N, C-alpha and C. Protein backbone atom coordinates (compact mmCIF):
# COMPACT_ATOMS: atom_id res chain seq x y z
N MET A 1 0.84 -1.18 0.00
CA MET A 1 0.00 0.00 0.00
C MET A 1 0.88 1.24 0.00
N ILE A 2 0.49 2.22 -0.78
CA ILE A 2 1.23 3.48 -0.80
C ILE A 2 0.47 4.54 -0.04
N THR A 3 1.20 5.50 0.48
CA THR A 3 0.60 6.63 1.18
C THR A 3 0.56 7.82 0.23
N LYS A 4 -0.08 8.89 0.66
CA LYS A 4 -0.15 10.09 -0.16
C LYS A 4 1.25 10.68 -0.36
N ALA A 5 2.09 10.63 0.66
CA ALA A 5 3.46 11.14 0.54
C ALA A 5 4.25 10.35 -0.50
N GLN A 6 4.08 9.04 -0.52
CA GLN A 6 4.76 8.21 -1.53
C GLN A 6 4.19 8.50 -2.92
N ALA A 7 2.91 8.74 -3.00
CA ALA A 7 2.29 9.04 -4.29
C ALA A 7 2.81 10.35 -4.87
N LEU A 8 3.16 11.28 -4.00
CA LEU A 8 3.68 12.56 -4.46
C LEU A 8 5.13 12.48 -4.93
N SER A 9 5.90 11.50 -4.42
CA SER A 9 7.32 11.50 -4.71
C SER A 9 7.84 10.31 -5.53
N ALA A 10 7.21 9.16 -5.47
CA ALA A 10 7.74 7.96 -6.13
C ALA A 10 7.63 8.07 -7.65
N LYS A 11 8.57 7.45 -8.34
CA LYS A 11 8.58 7.47 -9.80
C LYS A 11 8.18 6.14 -10.42
N GLU A 12 8.25 5.05 -9.64
CA GLU A 12 7.96 3.72 -10.17
C GLU A 12 7.12 2.95 -9.16
N PHE A 13 6.11 2.24 -9.66
CA PHE A 13 5.18 1.51 -8.81
C PHE A 13 5.04 0.08 -9.31
N HIS A 14 4.75 -0.84 -8.39
CA HIS A 14 4.49 -2.24 -8.72
C HIS A 14 3.06 -2.57 -8.31
N PHE A 15 2.30 -3.17 -9.22
CA PHE A 15 0.92 -3.55 -8.95
C PHE A 15 0.86 -5.00 -8.52
N GLY A 16 -0.03 -5.30 -7.60
CA GLY A 16 -0.28 -6.67 -7.18
C GLY A 16 0.88 -7.27 -6.41
N THR A 17 0.89 -8.59 -6.36
CA THR A 17 1.96 -9.29 -5.67
C THR A 17 3.12 -9.51 -6.63
N CYS A 18 4.31 -9.26 -6.16
CA CYS A 18 5.50 -9.42 -7.00
C CYS A 18 6.03 -10.84 -6.90
N THR A 19 6.35 -11.41 -8.02
CA THR A 19 7.02 -12.70 -8.08
C THR A 19 8.28 -12.52 -8.92
N PRO A 20 9.27 -13.37 -8.74
CA PRO A 20 10.50 -13.23 -9.54
C PRO A 20 10.25 -13.35 -11.05
N GLU A 21 9.22 -14.10 -11.44
CA GLU A 21 8.93 -14.29 -12.86
C GLU A 21 8.15 -13.12 -13.45
N ARG A 22 7.30 -12.50 -12.64
CA ARG A 22 6.41 -11.47 -13.17
C ARG A 22 6.21 -10.34 -12.17
N THR A 23 6.70 -9.19 -12.52
CA THR A 23 6.49 -7.99 -11.72
C THR A 23 5.94 -6.92 -12.64
N GLU A 24 4.75 -6.43 -12.34
CA GLU A 24 4.14 -5.37 -13.15
C GLU A 24 4.67 -4.02 -12.70
N THR A 25 5.51 -3.41 -13.52
CA THR A 25 6.11 -2.13 -13.20
C THR A 25 5.44 -1.03 -14.00
N TRP A 26 4.96 -0.02 -13.29
CA TRP A 26 4.33 1.15 -13.91
C TRP A 26 5.13 2.38 -13.53
N ARG A 27 5.27 3.33 -14.47
CA ARG A 27 6.02 4.56 -14.24
C ARG A 27 5.07 5.74 -14.14
N ARG A 28 5.52 6.74 -13.41
CA ARG A 28 4.76 7.99 -13.32
C ARG A 28 4.68 8.63 -14.70
N ASN A 29 3.53 9.21 -15.03
CA ASN A 29 3.32 9.82 -16.33
C ASN A 29 2.82 11.25 -16.20
N GLY A 30 3.23 11.93 -15.16
CA GLY A 30 2.80 13.30 -14.93
C GLY A 30 2.84 13.62 -13.45
N THR A 31 2.25 14.74 -13.09
CA THR A 31 2.25 15.15 -11.69
C THR A 31 1.03 14.59 -10.97
N THR A 32 1.18 14.42 -9.68
CA THR A 32 0.09 13.91 -8.86
C THR A 32 -0.94 15.01 -8.65
N LYS A 33 -2.20 14.67 -8.87
CA LYS A 33 -3.29 15.63 -8.67
C LYS A 33 -3.80 15.47 -7.24
N THR A 34 -3.95 16.59 -6.54
CA THR A 34 -4.49 16.58 -5.18
C THR A 34 -5.66 17.55 -5.12
N TRP A 35 -6.49 17.40 -4.09
CA TRP A 35 -7.66 18.24 -3.92
C TRP A 35 -7.59 18.96 -2.58
N VAL A 36 -7.91 20.25 -2.59
CA VAL A 36 -7.92 21.05 -1.35
C VAL A 36 -9.11 20.64 -0.49
N ARG A 37 -10.23 20.43 -1.10
CA ARG A 37 -11.44 20.10 -0.36
C ARG A 37 -11.38 18.71 0.29
N TYR A 38 -10.71 17.77 -0.37
CA TYR A 38 -10.57 16.41 0.16
C TYR A 38 -9.07 16.11 0.31
N PRO A 39 -8.48 16.39 1.47
CA PRO A 39 -7.03 16.27 1.63
C PRO A 39 -6.49 14.85 1.47
N SER A 40 -7.29 13.82 1.70
CA SER A 40 -6.79 12.45 1.57
C SER A 40 -6.86 11.93 0.13
N ARG A 41 -7.45 12.69 -0.76
CA ARG A 41 -7.64 12.26 -2.14
C ARG A 41 -6.43 12.61 -3.00
N PHE A 42 -6.01 11.68 -3.87
CA PHE A 42 -4.91 11.92 -4.80
C PHE A 42 -5.12 11.07 -6.04
N ALA A 43 -4.45 11.45 -7.12
CA ALA A 43 -4.49 10.68 -8.37
C ALA A 43 -3.14 10.81 -9.06
N VAL A 44 -2.50 9.65 -9.28
CA VAL A 44 -1.19 9.61 -9.93
C VAL A 44 -1.37 9.00 -11.31
N PRO A 45 -1.09 9.73 -12.38
CA PRO A 45 -1.15 9.13 -13.71
C PRO A 45 0.07 8.24 -13.93
N VAL A 46 -0.17 7.02 -14.41
CA VAL A 46 0.91 6.07 -14.64
C VAL A 46 0.78 5.45 -16.02
N LYS A 47 1.90 4.88 -16.50
CA LYS A 47 1.88 4.18 -17.79
C LYS A 47 2.79 2.98 -17.73
N ARG A 48 2.52 2.04 -18.61
CA ARG A 48 3.31 0.82 -18.74
C ARG A 48 3.45 0.54 -20.23
N GLY A 49 4.67 0.54 -20.72
CA GLY A 49 4.88 0.33 -22.14
C GLY A 49 4.43 1.53 -22.94
N LEU A 50 4.02 1.28 -24.18
CA LEU A 50 3.60 2.37 -25.05
C LEU A 50 2.12 2.68 -24.99
N TYR A 51 1.29 1.68 -24.71
CA TYR A 51 -0.14 1.87 -24.88
C TYR A 51 -0.98 1.69 -23.63
N GLN A 52 -0.41 1.26 -22.51
CA GLN A 52 -1.19 1.05 -21.30
C GLN A 52 -1.05 2.25 -20.38
N HIS A 53 -2.19 2.84 -20.02
CA HIS A 53 -2.23 3.99 -19.14
C HIS A 53 -3.22 3.73 -18.02
N GLY A 54 -2.99 4.34 -16.89
CA GLY A 54 -3.90 4.16 -15.77
C GLY A 54 -3.71 5.25 -14.73
N THR A 55 -4.41 5.10 -13.62
CA THR A 55 -4.33 6.05 -12.52
C THR A 55 -4.31 5.30 -11.21
N ILE A 56 -3.42 5.72 -10.33
CA ILE A 56 -3.40 5.22 -8.97
C ILE A 56 -4.09 6.27 -8.11
N ASP A 57 -5.10 5.85 -7.37
CA ASP A 57 -5.79 6.77 -6.48
C ASP A 57 -5.97 6.11 -5.11
N GLN A 58 -6.67 6.77 -4.22
CA GLN A 58 -6.83 6.25 -2.87
C GLN A 58 -7.65 4.96 -2.84
N ILE A 59 -8.39 4.67 -3.89
CA ILE A 59 -9.21 3.45 -3.94
C ILE A 59 -8.34 2.22 -4.23
N ASN A 60 -7.44 2.31 -5.21
CA ASN A 60 -6.62 1.15 -5.56
C ASN A 60 -5.21 1.22 -4.97
N ALA A 61 -4.96 2.14 -4.05
CA ALA A 61 -3.63 2.28 -3.44
C ALA A 61 -3.23 1.06 -2.61
N SER A 62 -4.21 0.28 -2.16
CA SER A 62 -3.89 -0.90 -1.36
C SER A 62 -3.29 -2.02 -2.20
N GLN A 63 -3.44 -1.96 -3.52
CA GLN A 63 -2.90 -2.99 -4.42
C GLN A 63 -1.54 -2.62 -4.98
N VAL A 64 -0.99 -1.47 -4.58
CA VAL A 64 0.22 -0.93 -5.18
C VAL A 64 1.28 -0.72 -4.10
N HIS A 65 2.55 -0.93 -4.47
CA HIS A 65 3.65 -0.52 -3.62
C HIS A 65 4.74 0.09 -4.49
N THR A 66 5.61 0.88 -3.89
CA THR A 66 6.67 1.53 -4.65
C THR A 66 7.78 0.53 -4.93
N ALA A 67 8.60 0.83 -5.90
CA ALA A 67 9.71 -0.05 -6.25
C ALA A 67 10.71 -0.15 -5.10
N GLU A 68 10.86 0.93 -4.33
CA GLU A 68 11.78 0.91 -3.18
C GLU A 68 11.28 0.00 -2.07
N ASP A 69 9.97 -0.18 -1.95
CA ASP A 69 9.37 -1.02 -0.90
C ASP A 69 9.06 -2.43 -1.37
N CYS A 70 9.54 -2.81 -2.53
CA CYS A 70 9.23 -4.13 -3.09
C CYS A 70 9.81 -5.24 -2.22
N PRO A 71 9.00 -6.26 -1.90
CA PRO A 71 9.51 -7.36 -1.08
C PRO A 71 10.61 -8.17 -1.79
N LEU A 72 10.73 -8.09 -3.09
CA LEU A 72 11.76 -8.82 -3.81
C LEU A 72 13.05 -8.05 -3.95
N LYS A 73 13.05 -6.81 -3.48
CA LYS A 73 14.24 -5.95 -3.61
C LYS A 73 15.38 -6.54 -2.78
N LYS A 74 16.53 -6.66 -3.41
CA LYS A 74 17.71 -7.20 -2.72
C LYS A 74 18.46 -6.05 -2.05
N ASP A 75 18.80 -6.24 -0.80
CA ASP A 75 19.52 -5.19 -0.06
C ASP A 75 21.01 -5.28 -0.27
């Protein structure tokens, strides 16, 4: 799960559970949109490859983690 602070600063995100064979990596595709009226709300535009685009928001943030927080990351 990512927080709003991570959504504002991270450049790369992983969706779902990471396995050594398959890790879905999405990159930031613009600036994070925030709302003054709803402080917990955010929207991060992301892309994967040439044709896949999406948005990470507070609804699907529980399915996403940053590349730095990946459980497969070797220290």
